[in-house]
Amino acid sequence: ISIREASWEPLLSDNVAADSTNVISTVAG
């Protein structure tokens, strides 16, 4: 994600869709 974080912004700023990345971030610690 970080390699093109600006491109991921529509998902990261969507509260519902961002839950999916939050799951992965939580597993990553």
mmCIF file of all heavy atoms, coordinates in Angstrom:
data_MODEL
# 
_entry.id   MODEL 
# 
loop_
_atom_site.group_PDB 
_atom_site.id 
_atom_site.type_symbol 
_atom_site.label_atom_id 
_atom_site.label_alt_id 
_atom_site.label_comp_id 
_atom_site.label_asym_id 
_atom_site.label_entity_id 
_atom_site.label_seq_id 
_atom_site.pdbx_PDB_ins_code 
_atom_site.Cartn_x 
_atom_site.Cartn_y 
_atom_site.Cartn_z 
_atom_site.occupancy 
_atom_site.B_iso_or_equiv 
_atom_site.pdbx_formal_charge 
_atom_site.auth_seq_id 
_atom_site.auth_comp_id 
_atom_site.auth_asym_id 
_atom_site.auth_atom_id 
_atom_site.pdbx_PDB_model_num 
ATOM 1   N N   . ILE A 1 1  ? 0.841   -1.202  0.000  1.00 0.00 ? 1  ILE A N   1 
ATOM 2   C CA  . ILE A 1 1  ? 0.000   0.000   0.000  1.00 0.00 ? 1  ILE A CA  1 
ATOM 3   C C   . ILE A 1 1  ? 0.876   1.252   0.000  1.00 0.00 ? 1  ILE A C   1 
ATOM 4   O O   . ILE A 1 1  ? 0.625   2.208   -0.737 1.00 0.00 ? 1  ILE A O   1 
ATOM 5   C CB  . ILE A 1 1  ? -0.935  0.011   1.219  1.00 0.00 ? 1  ILE A CB  1 
ATOM 6   C CG1 . ILE A 1 1  ? -1.961  -1.127  1.128  1.00 0.00 ? 1  ILE A CG1 1 
ATOM 7   C CG2 . ILE A 1 1  ? -1.641  1.358   1.361  1.00 0.00 ? 1  ILE A CG2 1 
ATOM 8   C CD1 . ILE A 1 1  ? -2.867  -1.242  2.343  1.00 0.00 ? 1  ILE A CD1 1 
ATOM 9   N N   . SER A 1 2  ? 1.908   1.249   0.825  1.00 0.00 ? 2  SER A N   1 
ATOM 10  C CA  . SER A 1 2  ? 2.710   2.462   1.014  1.00 0.00 ? 2  SER A CA  1 
ATOM 11  C C   . SER A 1 2  ? 3.450   2.888   -0.244 1.00 0.00 ? 2  SER A C   1 
ATOM 12  O O   . SER A 1 2  ? 3.764   4.070   -0.410 1.00 0.00 ? 2  SER A O   1 
ATOM 13  C CB  . SER A 1 2  ? 3.716   2.251   2.159  1.00 0.00 ? 2  SER A CB  1 
ATOM 14  O OG  . SER A 1 2  ? 4.719   1.314   1.785  1.00 0.00 ? 2  SER A OG  1 
ATOM 15  N N   . ILE A 1 3  ? 3.716   1.944   -1.141 1.00 0.00 ? 3  ILE A N   1 
ATOM 16  C CA  . ILE A 1 3  ? 4.487   2.294   -2.333 1.00 0.00 ? 3  ILE A CA  1 
ATOM 17  C C   . ILE A 1 3  ? 3.708   3.236   -3.244 1.00 0.00 ? 3  ILE A C   1 
ATOM 18  O O   . ILE A 1 3  ? 4.285   3.983   -4.034 1.00 0.00 ? 3  ILE A O   1 
ATOM 19  C CB  . ILE A 1 3  ? 4.910   1.004   -3.086 1.00 0.00 ? 3  ILE A CB  1 
ATOM 20  C CG1 . ILE A 1 3  ? 6.071   1.287   -4.044 1.00 0.00 ? 3  ILE A CG1 1 
ATOM 21  C CG2 . ILE A 1 3  ? 3.759   0.378   -3.838 1.00 0.00 ? 3  ILE A CG2 1 
ATOM 22  C CD1 . ILE A 1 3  ? 6.676   0.039   -4.653 1.00 0.00 ? 3  ILE A CD1 1 
ATOM 23  N N   . ARG A 1 4  ? 2.367   3.218   -3.144 1.00 0.00 ? 4  ARG A N   1 
ATOM 24  C CA  . ARG A 1 4  ? 1.510   4.157   -3.885 1.00 0.00 ? 4  ARG A CA  1 
ATOM 25  C C   . ARG A 1 4  ? 0.362   4.603   -2.972 1.00 0.00 ? 4  ARG A C   1 
ATOM 26  O O   . ARG A 1 4  ? -0.805  4.503   -3.321 1.00 0.00 ? 4  ARG A O   1 
ATOM 27  C CB  . ARG A 1 4  ? 0.950   3.484   -5.147 1.00 0.00 ? 4  ARG A CB  1 
ATOM 28  C CG  . ARG A 1 4  ? 1.919   3.328   -6.283 1.00 0.00 ? 4  ARG A CG  1 
ATOM 29  C CD  . ARG A 1 4  ? 2.285   4.677   -6.918 1.00 0.00 ? 4  ARG A CD  1 
ATOM 30  N NE  . ARG A 1 4  ? 3.042   4.507   -8.138 1.00 0.00 ? 4  ARG A NE  1 
ATOM 31  C CZ  . ARG A 1 4  ? 4.360   4.361   -8.174 1.00 0.00 ? 4  ARG A CZ  1 
ATOM 32  N NH1 . ARG A 1 4  ? 5.045   4.355   -7.044 1.00 0.00 ? 4  ARG A NH1 1 
ATOM 33  N NH2 . ARG A 1 4  ? 4.982   4.221   -9.331 1.00 0.00 ? 4  ARG A NH2 1 
ATOM 34  N N   . GLU A 1 5  ? 0.705   5.124   -1.809 1.00 0.00 ? 5  GLU A N   1 
ATOM 35  C CA  . GLU A 1 5  ? -0.309  5.435   -0.804 1.00 0.00 ? 5  GLU A CA  1 
ATOM 36  C C   . GLU A 1 5  ? -1.318  6.462   -1.298 1.00 0.00 ? 5  GLU A C   1 
ATOM 37  O O   . GLU A 1 5  ? -2.509  6.396   -0.968 1.00 0.00 ? 5  GLU A O   1 
ATOM 38  C CB  . GLU A 1 5  ? 0.350   5.922   0.488  1.00 0.00 ? 5  GLU A CB  1 
ATOM 39  C CG  . GLU A 1 5  ? -0.618  6.020   1.653  1.00 0.00 ? 5  GLU A CG  1 
ATOM 40  C CD  . GLU A 1 5  ? 0.089   6.165   2.978  1.00 0.00 ? 5  GLU A CD  1 
ATOM 41  O OE1 . GLU A 1 5  ? 1.331   6.128   3.011  1.00 0.00 ? 5  GLU A OE1 1 
ATOM 42  O OE2 . GLU A 1 5  ? -0.612  6.307   3.993  1.00 0.00 ? 5  GLU A OE2 1 
ATOM 43  N N   . ALA A 1 6  ? -0.866  7.417   -2.110 1.00 0.00 ? 6  ALA A N   1 
ATOM 44  C CA  . ALA A 1 6  ? -1.795  8.429   -2.629 1.00 0.00 ? 6  ALA A CA  1 
ATOM 45  C C   . ALA A 1 6  ? -2.880  7.785   -3.483 1.00 0.00 ? 6  ALA A C   1 
ATOM 46  O O   . ALA A 1 6  ? -4.045  8.202   -3.455 1.00 0.00 ? 6  ALA A O   1 
ATOM 47  C CB  . ALA A 1 6  ? -1.030  9.473   -3.436 1.00 0.00 ? 6  ALA A CB  1 
ATOM 48  N N   . SER A 1 7  ? -2.524  6.756   -4.232 1.00 0.00 ? 7  SER A N   1 
ATOM 49  C CA  . SER A 1 7  ? -3.508  6.069   -5.072 1.00 0.00 ? 7  SER A CA  1 
ATOM 50  C C   . SER A 1 7  ? -4.521  5.305   -4.229 1.00 0.00 ? 7  SER A C   1 
ATOM 51  O O   . SER A 1 7  ? -5.657  5.085   -4.660 1.00 0.00 ? 7  SER A O   1 
ATOM 52  C CB  . SER A 1 7  ? -2.801  5.102   -6.030 1.00 0.00 ? 7  SER A CB  1 
ATOM 53  O OG  . SER A 1 7  ? -1.966  5.797   -6.931 1.00 0.00 ? 7  SER A OG  1 
ATOM 54  N N   . TRP A 1 8  ? -4.107  4.865   -3.037 1.00 0.00 ? 8  TRP A N   1 
ATOM 55  C CA  . TRP A 1 8  ? -4.989  4.110   -2.159 1.00 0.00 ? 8  TRP A CA  1 
ATOM 56  C C   . TRP A 1 8  ? -5.912  5.014   -1.338 1.00 0.00 ? 8  TRP A C   1 
ATOM 57  O O   . TRP A 1 8  ? -6.762  4.525   -0.595 1.00 0.00 ? 8  TRP A O   1 
ATOM 58  C CB  . TRP A 1 8  ? -4.157  3.247   -1.201 1.00 0.00 ? 8  TRP A CB  1 
ATOM 59  C CG  . TRP A 1 8  ? -3.613  2.001   -1.830 1.00 0.00 ? 8  TRP A CG  1 
ATOM 60  C CD1 . TRP A 1 8  ? -2.566  1.910   -2.704 1.00 0.00 ? 8  TRP A CD1 1 
ATOM 61  C CD2 . TRP A 1 8  ? -4.062  0.660   -1.601 1.00 0.00 ? 8  TRP A CD2 1 
ATOM 62  N NE1 . TRP A 1 8  ? -2.339  0.595   -3.039 1.00 0.00 ? 8  TRP A NE1 1 
ATOM 63  C CE2 . TRP A 1 8  ? -3.241  -0.183  -2.373 1.00 0.00 ? 8  TRP A CE2 1 
ATOM 64  C CE3 . TRP A 1 8  ? -5.060  0.099   -0.812 1.00 0.00 ? 8  TRP A CE3 1 
ATOM 65  C CZ2 . TRP A 1 8  ? -3.405  -1.577  -2.393 1.00 0.00 ? 8  TRP A CZ2 1 
ATOM 66  C CZ3 . TRP A 1 8  ? -5.221  -1.282  -0.827 1.00 0.00 ? 8  TRP A CZ3 1 
ATOM 67  C CH2 . TRP A 1 8  ? -4.411  -2.107  -1.615 1.00 0.00 ? 8  TRP A CH2 1 
ATOM 68  N N   . GLU A 1 9  ? -5.775  6.319   -1.453 1.00 0.00 ? 9  GLU A N   1 
ATOM 69  C CA  . GLU A 1 9  ? -6.507  7.239   -0.591 1.00 0.00 ? 9  GLU A CA  1 
ATOM 70  C C   . GLU A 1 9  ? -8.028  7.064   -0.658 1.00 0.00 ? 9  GLU A C   1 
ATOM 71  O O   . GLU A 1 9  ? -8.704  7.159   0.374  1.00 0.00 ? 9  GLU A O   1 
ATOM 72  C CB  . GLU A 1 9  ? -6.113  8.681   -0.925 1.00 0.00 ? 9  GLU A CB  1 
ATOM 73  C CG  . GLU A 1 9  ? -6.729  9.724   -0.006 1.00 0.00 ? 9  GLU A CG  1 
ATOM 74  C CD  . GLU A 1 9  ? -6.411  9.497   1.462  1.00 0.00 ? 9  GLU A CD  1 
ATOM 75  O OE1 . GLU A 1 9  ? -5.313  8.989   1.758  1.00 0.00 ? 9  GLU A OE1 1 
ATOM 76  O OE2 . GLU A 1 9  ? -7.272  9.806   2.304  1.00 0.00 ? 9  GLU A OE2 1 
ATOM 77  N N   . PRO A 1 10 ? -8.624  6.820   -1.848 1.00 0.00 ? 10 PRO A N   1 
ATOM 78  C CA  . PRO A 1 10 ? -10.084 6.631   -1.858 1.00 0.00 ? 10 PRO A CA  1 
ATOM 79  C C   . PRO A 1 10 ? -10.553 5.512   -0.938 1.00 0.00 ? 10 PRO A C   1 
ATOM 80  O O   . PRO A 1 10 ? -11.612 5.629   -0.302 1.00 0.00 ? 10 PRO A O   1 
ATOM 81  C CB  . PRO A 1 10 ? -10.381 6.311   -3.328 1.00 0.00 ? 10 PRO A CB  1 
ATOM 82  C CG  . PRO A 1 10 ? -9.282  6.995   -4.078 1.00 0.00 ? 10 PRO A CG  1 
ATOM 83  C CD  . PRO A 1 10 ? -8.069  6.853   -3.204 1.00 0.00 ? 10 PRO A CD  1 
ATOM 84  N N   . LEU A 1 11 ? -9.799  4.436   -0.850 1.00 0.00 ? 11 LEU A N   1 
ATOM 85  C CA  . LEU A 1 11 ? -10.166 3.345   0.059  1.00 0.00 ? 11 LEU A CA  1 
ATOM 86  C C   . LEU A 1 11 ? -9.861  3.713   1.506  1.00 0.00 ? 11 LEU A C   1 
ATOM 87  O O   . LEU A 1 11 ? -10.681 3.500   2.396  1.00 0.00 ? 11 LEU A O   1 
ATOM 88  C CB  . LEU A 1 11 ? -9.435  2.058   -0.328 1.00 0.00 ? 11 LEU A CB  1 
ATOM 89  C CG  . LEU A 1 11 ? -9.785  0.796   0.474  1.00 0.00 ? 11 LEU A CG  1 
ATOM 90  C CD1 . LEU A 1 11 ? -9.689  -0.440  -0.413 1.00 0.00 ? 11 LEU A CD1 1 
ATOM 91  C CD2 . LEU A 1 11 ? -8.851  0.616   1.677  1.00 0.00 ? 11 LEU A CD2 1 
ATOM 92  N N   . LEU A 1 12 ? -8.700  4.280   1.738  1.00 0.00 ? 12 LEU A N   1 
ATOM 93  C CA  . LEU A 1 12 ? -8.283  4.590   3.109  1.00 0.00 ? 12 LEU A CA  1 
ATOM 94  C C   . LEU A 1 12 ? -9.171  5.642   3.753  1.00 0.00 ? 12 LEU A C   1 
ATOM 95  O O   . LEU A 1 12 ? -9.311  5.678   4.983  1.00 0.00 ? 12 LEU A O   1 
ATOM 96  C CB  . LEU A 1 12 ? -6.823  5.051   3.112  1.00 0.00 ? 12 LEU A CB  1 
ATOM 97  C CG  . LEU A 1 12 ? -5.793  4.034   2.600  1.00 0.00 ? 12 LEU A CG  1 
ATOM 98  C CD1 . LEU A 1 12 ? -4.403  4.653   2.572  1.00 0.00 ? 12 LEU A CD1 1 
ATOM 99  C CD2 . LEU A 1 12 ? -5.787  2.771   3.456  1.00 0.00 ? 12 LEU A CD2 1 
ATOM 100 N N   . SER A 1 13 ? -9.790  6.494   2.940  1.00 0.00 ? 13 SER A N   1 
ATOM 101 C CA  . SER A 1 13 ? -10.656 7.538   3.486  1.00 0.00 ? 13 SER A CA  1 
ATOM 102 C C   . SER A 1 13 ? -12.119 7.108   3.541  1.00 0.00 ? 13 SER A C   1 
ATOM 103 O O   . SER A 1 13 ? -12.968 7.877   4.006  1.00 0.00 ? 13 SER A O   1 
ATOM 104 C CB  . SER A 1 13 ? -10.531 8.816   2.655  1.00 0.00 ? 13 SER A CB  1 
ATOM 105 O OG  . SER A 1 13 ? -10.912 8.583   1.311  1.00 0.00 ? 13 SER A OG  1 
ATOM 106 N N   . ASP A 1 14 ? -12.423 5.914   3.071  1.00 0.00 ? 14 ASP A N   1 
ATOM 107 C CA  . ASP A 1 14 ? -13.775 5.362   3.124  1.00 0.00 ? 14 ASP A CA  1 
ATOM 108 C C   . ASP A 1 14 ? -13.896 4.538   4.400  1.00 0.00 ? 14 ASP A C   1 
ATOM 109 O O   . ASP A 1 14 ? -13.240 3.511   4.551  1.00 0.00 ? 14 ASP A O   1 
ATOM 110 C CB  . ASP A 1 14 ? -14.027 4.493   1.889  1.00 0.00 ? 14 ASP A CB  1 
ATOM 111 C CG  . ASP A 1 14 ? -15.445 3.956   1.823  1.00 0.00 ? 14 ASP A CG  1 
ATOM 112 O OD1 . ASP A 1 14 ? -15.889 3.318   2.792  1.00 0.00 ? 14 ASP A OD1 1 
ATOM 113 O OD2 . ASP A 1 14 ? -16.101 4.133   0.784  1.00 0.00 ? 14 ASP A OD2 1 
ATOM 114 N N   . ASN A 1 15 ? -14.734 4.982   5.340  1.00 0.00 ? 15 ASN A N   1 
ATOM 115 C CA  . ASN A 1 15 ? -14.779 4.339   6.656  1.00 0.00 ? 15 ASN A CA  1 
ATOM 116 C C   . ASN A 1 15 ? -15.111 2.851   6.583  1.00 0.00 ? 15 ASN A C   1 
ATOM 117 O O   . ASN A 1 15 ? -14.567 2.044   7.348  1.00 0.00 ? 15 ASN A O   1 
ATOM 118 C CB  . ASN A 1 15 ? -15.807 5.053   7.548  1.00 0.00 ? 15 ASN A CB  1 
ATOM 119 C CG  . ASN A 1 15 ? -15.359 6.436   7.955  1.00 0.00 ? 15 ASN A CG  1 
ATOM 120 O OD1 . ASN A 1 15 ? -14.164 6.716   7.993  1.00 0.00 ? 15 ASN A OD1 1 
ATOM 121 N ND2 . ASN A 1 15 ? -16.313 7.313   8.249  1.00 0.00 ? 15 ASN A ND2 1 
ATOM 122 N N   . VAL A 1 16 ? -16.007 2.495   5.677  1.00 0.00 ? 16 VAL A N   1 
ATOM 123 C CA  . VAL A 1 16 ? -16.396 1.085   5.555  1.00 0.00 ? 16 VAL A CA  1 
ATOM 124 C C   . VAL A 1 16 ? -15.282 0.277   4.895  1.00 0.00 ? 16 VAL A C   1 
ATOM 125 O O   . VAL A 1 16 ? -14.843 -0.757  5.412  1.00 0.00 ? 16 VAL A O   1 
ATOM 126 C CB  . VAL A 1 16 ? -17.707 0.951   4.770  1.00 0.00 ? 16 VAL A CB  1 
ATOM 127 C CG1 . VAL A 1 16 ? -18.043 -0.528  4.539  1.00 0.00 ? 16 VAL A CG1 1 
ATOM 128 C CG2 . VAL A 1 16 ? -18.852 1.633   5.511  1.00 0.00 ? 16 VAL A CG2 1 
ATOM 129 N N   . ALA A 1 17 ? -14.806 0.749   3.754  1.00 0.00 ? 17 ALA A N   1 
ATOM 130 C CA  . ALA A 1 17 ? -13.772 0.012   3.027  1.00 0.00 ? 17 ALA A CA  1 
ATOM 131 C C   . ALA A 1 17 ? -12.470 -0.065  3.811  1.00 0.00 ? 17 ALA A C   1 
ATOM 132 O O   . ALA A 1 17 ? -11.749 -1.078  3.750  1.00 0.00 ? 17 ALA A O   1 
ATOM 133 C CB  . ALA A 1 17 ? -13.539 0.665   1.666  1.00 0.00 ? 17 ALA A CB  1 
ATOM 134 N N   . ALA A 1 18 ? -12.155 0.990   4.559  1.00 0.00 ? 18 ALA A N   1 
ATOM 135 C CA  . ALA A 1 18 ? -10.897 1.008   5.310  1.00 0.00 ? 18 ALA A CA  1 
ATOM 136 C C   . ALA A 1 18 ? -10.858 -0.044  6.406  1.00 0.00 ? 18 ALA A C   1 
ATOM 137 O O   . ALA A 1 18 ? -9.768  -0.399  6.887  1.00 0.00 ? 18 ALA A O   1 
ATOM 138 C CB  . ALA A 1 18 ? -10.664 2.387   5.902  1.00 0.00 ? 18 ALA A CB  1 
ATOM 139 N N   . ASP A 1 19 ? -12.012 -0.563  6.813  1.00 0.00 ? 19 ASP A N   1 
ATOM 140 C CA  . ASP A 1 19 ? -12.016 -1.626  7.820  1.00 0.00 ? 19 ASP A CA  1 
ATOM 141 C C   . ASP A 1 19 ? -11.203 -2.827  7.356  1.00 0.00 ? 19 ASP A C   1 
ATOM 142 O O   . ASP A 1 19 ? -10.600 -3.535  8.176  1.00 0.00 ? 19 ASP A O   1 
ATOM 143 C CB  . ASP A 1 19 ? -13.450 -2.067  8.133  1.00 0.00 ? 19 ASP A CB  1 
ATOM 144 C CG  . ASP A 1 19 ? -14.183 -1.063  9.024  1.00 0.00 ? 19 ASP A CG  1 
ATOM 145 O OD1 . ASP A 1 19 ? -13.504 -0.204  9.619  1.00 0.00 ? 19 ASP A OD1 1 
ATOM 146 O OD2 . ASP A 1 19 ? -15.415 -1.159  9.123  1.00 0.00 ? 19 ASP A OD2 1 
ATOM 147 N N   . SER A 1 20 ? -11.188 -3.083  6.054  1.00 0.00 ? 20 SER A N   1 
ATOM 148 C CA  . SER A 1 20 ? -10.444 -4.226  5.528  1.00 0.00 ? 20 SER A CA  1 
ATOM 149 C C   . SER A 1 20 ? -8.940  -4.040  5.717  1.00 0.00 ? 20 SER A C   1 
ATOM 150 O O   . SER A 1 20 ? -8.234  -4.976  6.118  1.00 0.00 ? 20 SER A O   1 
ATOM 151 C CB  . SER A 1 20 ? -10.765 -4.423  4.044  1.00 0.00 ? 20 SER A CB  1 
ATOM 152 O OG  . SER A 1 20 ? -12.130 -4.719  3.859  1.00 0.00 ? 20 SER A OG  1 
ATOM 153 N N   . THR A 1 21 ? -8.450  -2.831  5.442  1.00 0.00 ? 21 THR A N   1 
ATOM 154 C CA  . THR A 1 21 ? -7.025  -2.591  5.671  1.00 0.00 ? 21 THR A CA  1 
ATOM 155 C C   . THR A 1 21 ? -6.709  -2.529  7.160  1.00 0.00 ? 21 THR A C   1 
ATOM 156 O O   . THR A 1 21 ? -5.605  -2.890  7.578  1.00 0.00 ? 21 THR A O   1 
ATOM 157 C CB  . THR A 1 21 ? -6.573  -1.290  4.986  1.00 0.00 ? 21 THR A CB  1 
ATOM 158 O OG1 . THR A 1 21 ? -7.362  -0.196  5.461  1.00 0.00 ? 21 THR A OG1 1 
ATOM 159 C CG2 . THR A 1 21 ? -6.728  -1.395  3.475  1.00 0.00 ? 21 THR A CG2 1 
ATOM 160 N N   . ASN A 1 22 ? -7.680  -2.094  7.967  1.00 0.00 ? 22 ASN A N   1 
ATOM 161 C CA  . ASN A 1 22 ? -7.449  -2.050  9.413  1.00 0.00 ? 22 ASN A CA  1 
ATOM 162 C C   . ASN A 1 22 ? -7.255  -3.441  9.997  1.00 0.00 ? 22 ASN A C   1 
ATOM 163 O O   . ASN A 1 22 ? -6.477  -3.629  10.938 1.00 0.00 ? 22 ASN A O   1 
ATOM 164 C CB  . ASN A 1 22 ? -8.623  -1.353  10.111 1.00 0.00 ? 22 ASN A CB  1 
ATOM 165 C CG  . ASN A 1 22 ? -8.662  0.143   9.828  1.00 0.00 ? 22 ASN A CG  1 
ATOM 166 O OD1 . ASN A 1 22 ? -7.650  0.732   9.440  1.00 0.00 ? 22 ASN A OD1 1 
ATOM 167 N ND2 . ASN A 1 22 ? -9.821  0.748   10.018 1.00 0.00 ? 22 ASN A ND2 1 
ATOM 168 N N   . VAL A 1 23 ? -7.974  -4.419  9.443  1.00 0.00 ? 23 VAL A N   1 
ATOM 169 C CA  . VAL A 1 23 ? -7.779  -5.806  9.894  1.00 0.00 ? 23 VAL A CA  1 
ATOM 170 C C   . VAL A 1 23 ? -6.340  -6.231  9.663  1.00 0.00 ? 23 VAL A C   1 
ATOM 171 O O   . VAL A 1 23 ? -5.672  -6.794  10.550 1.00 0.00 ? 23 VAL A O   1 
ATOM 172 C CB  . VAL A 1 23 ? -8.746  -6.749  9.143  1.00 0.00 ? 23 VAL A CB  1 
ATOM 173 C CG1 . VAL A 1 23 ? -8.340  -8.212  9.353  1.00 0.00 ? 23 VAL A CG1 1 
ATOM 174 C CG2 . VAL A 1 23 ? -10.179 -6.538  9.622  1.00 0.00 ? 23 VAL A CG2 1 
ATOM 175 N N   . ILE A 1 24 ? -5.836  -5.950  8.468  1.00 0.00 ? 24 ILE A N   1 
ATOM 176 C CA  . ILE A 1 24 ? -4.463  -6.347  8.141  1.00 0.00 ? 24 ILE A CA  1 
ATOM 177 C C   . ILE A 1 24 ? -3.463  -5.561  8.979  1.00 0.00 ? 24 ILE A C   1 
ATOM 178 O O   . ILE A 1 24 ? -2.461  -6.119  9.457  1.00 0.00 ? 24 ILE A O   1 
ATOM 179 C CB  . ILE A 1 24 ? -4.216  -6.148  6.634  1.00 0.00 ? 24 ILE A CB  1 
ATOM 180 C CG1 . ILE A 1 24 ? -5.171  -7.054  5.837  1.00 0.00 ? 24 ILE A CG1 1 
ATOM 181 C CG2 . ILE A 1 24 ? -2.765  -6.441  6.268  1.00 0.00 ? 24 ILE A CG2 1 
ATOM 182 C CD1 . ILE A 1 24 ? -5.164  -6.800  4.338  1.00 0.00 ? 24 ILE A CD1 1 
ATOM 183 N N   . SER A 1 25 ? -3.725  -4.285  9.201  1.00 0.00 ? 25 SER A N   1 
ATOM 184 C CA  . SER A 1 25 ? -2.840  -3.470  10.041 1.00 0.00 ? 25 SER A CA  1 
ATOM 185 C C   . SER A 1 25 ? -2.798  -3.988  11.468 1.00 0.00 ? 25 SER A C   1 
ATOM 186 O O   . SER A 1 25 ? -1.741  -3.982  12.114 1.00 0.00 ? 25 SER A O   1 
ATOM 187 C CB  . SER A 1 25 ? -3.303  -2.010  10.034 1.00 0.00 ? 25 SER A CB  1 
ATOM 188 O OG  . SER A 1 25 ? -3.224  -1.446  8.739  1.00 0.00 ? 25 SER A OG  1 
ATOM 189 N N   . THR A 1 26 ? -3.945  -4.453  11.963 1.00 0.00 ? 26 THR A N   1 
ATOM 190 C CA  . THR A 1 26 ? -3.992  -4.986  13.330 1.00 0.00 ? 26 THR A CA  1 
ATOM 191 C C   . THR A 1 26 ? -3.170  -6.256  13.434 1.00 0.00 ? 26 THR A C   1 
ATOM 192 O O   . THR A 1 26 ? -2.402  -6.440  14.387 1.00 0.00 ? 26 THR A O   1 
ATOM 193 C CB  . THR A 1 26 ? -5.450  -5.253  13.748 1.00 0.00 ? 26 THR A CB  1 
ATOM 194 O OG1 . THR A 1 26 ? -6.196  -4.036  13.658 1.00 0.00 ? 26 THR A OG1 1 
ATOM 195 C CG2 . THR A 1 26 ? -5.514  -5.773  15.178 1.00 0.00 ? 26 THR A CG2 1 
ATOM 196 N N   . VAL A 1 27 ? -3.310  -7.158  12.447 1.00 0.00 ? 27 VAL A N   1 
ATOM 197 C CA  . VAL A 1 27 ? -2.526  -8.393  12.457 1.00 0.00 ? 27 VAL A CA  1 
ATOM 198 C C   . VAL A 1 27 ? -1.035  -8.076  12.391 1.00 0.00 ? 27 VAL A C   1 
ATOM 199 O O   . VAL A 1 27 ? -0.207  -8.773  12.996 1.00 0.00 ? 27 VAL A O   1 
ATOM 200 C CB  . VAL A 1 27 ? -2.941  -9.309  11.293 1.00 0.00 ? 27 VAL A CB  1 
ATOM 201 C CG1 . VAL A 1 27 ? -2.063  -10.556 11.252 1.00 0.00 ? 27 VAL A CG1 1 
ATOM 202 C CG2 . VAL A 1 27 ? -4.407  -9.716  11.426 1.00 0.00 ? 27 VAL A CG2 1 
ATOM 203 N N   . ALA A 1 28 ? -0.691  -7.009  11.688 1.00 0.00 ? 28 ALA A N   1 
ATOM 204 C CA  . ALA A 1 28 ? 0.718   -6.603  11.580 1.00 0.00 ? 28 ALA A CA  1 
ATOM 205 C C   . ALA A 1 28 ? 1.257   -6.010  12.870 1.00 0.00 ? 28 ALA A C   1 
ATOM 206 O O   . ALA A 1 28 ? 2.463   -5.775  12.990 1.00 0.00 ? 28 ALA A O   1 
ATOM 207 C CB  . ALA A 1 28 ? 0.879   -5.598  10.448 1.00 0.00 ? 28 ALA A CB  1 
ATOM 208 N N   . GLY A 1 29 ? 0.368   -5.747  13.846 1.00 0.00 ? 29 GLY A N   1 
ATOM 209 C CA  . GLY A 1 29 ? 0.804   -5.187  15.118 1.00 0.00 ? 29 GLY A CA  1 
ATOM 210 C C   . GLY A 1 29 ? 0.851   -3.676  15.137 1.00 0.00 ? 29 GLY A C   1 
ATOM 211 O O   . GLY A 1 29 ? 1.384   -3.082  16.086 1.00 0.00 ? 29 GLY A O   1 
# 
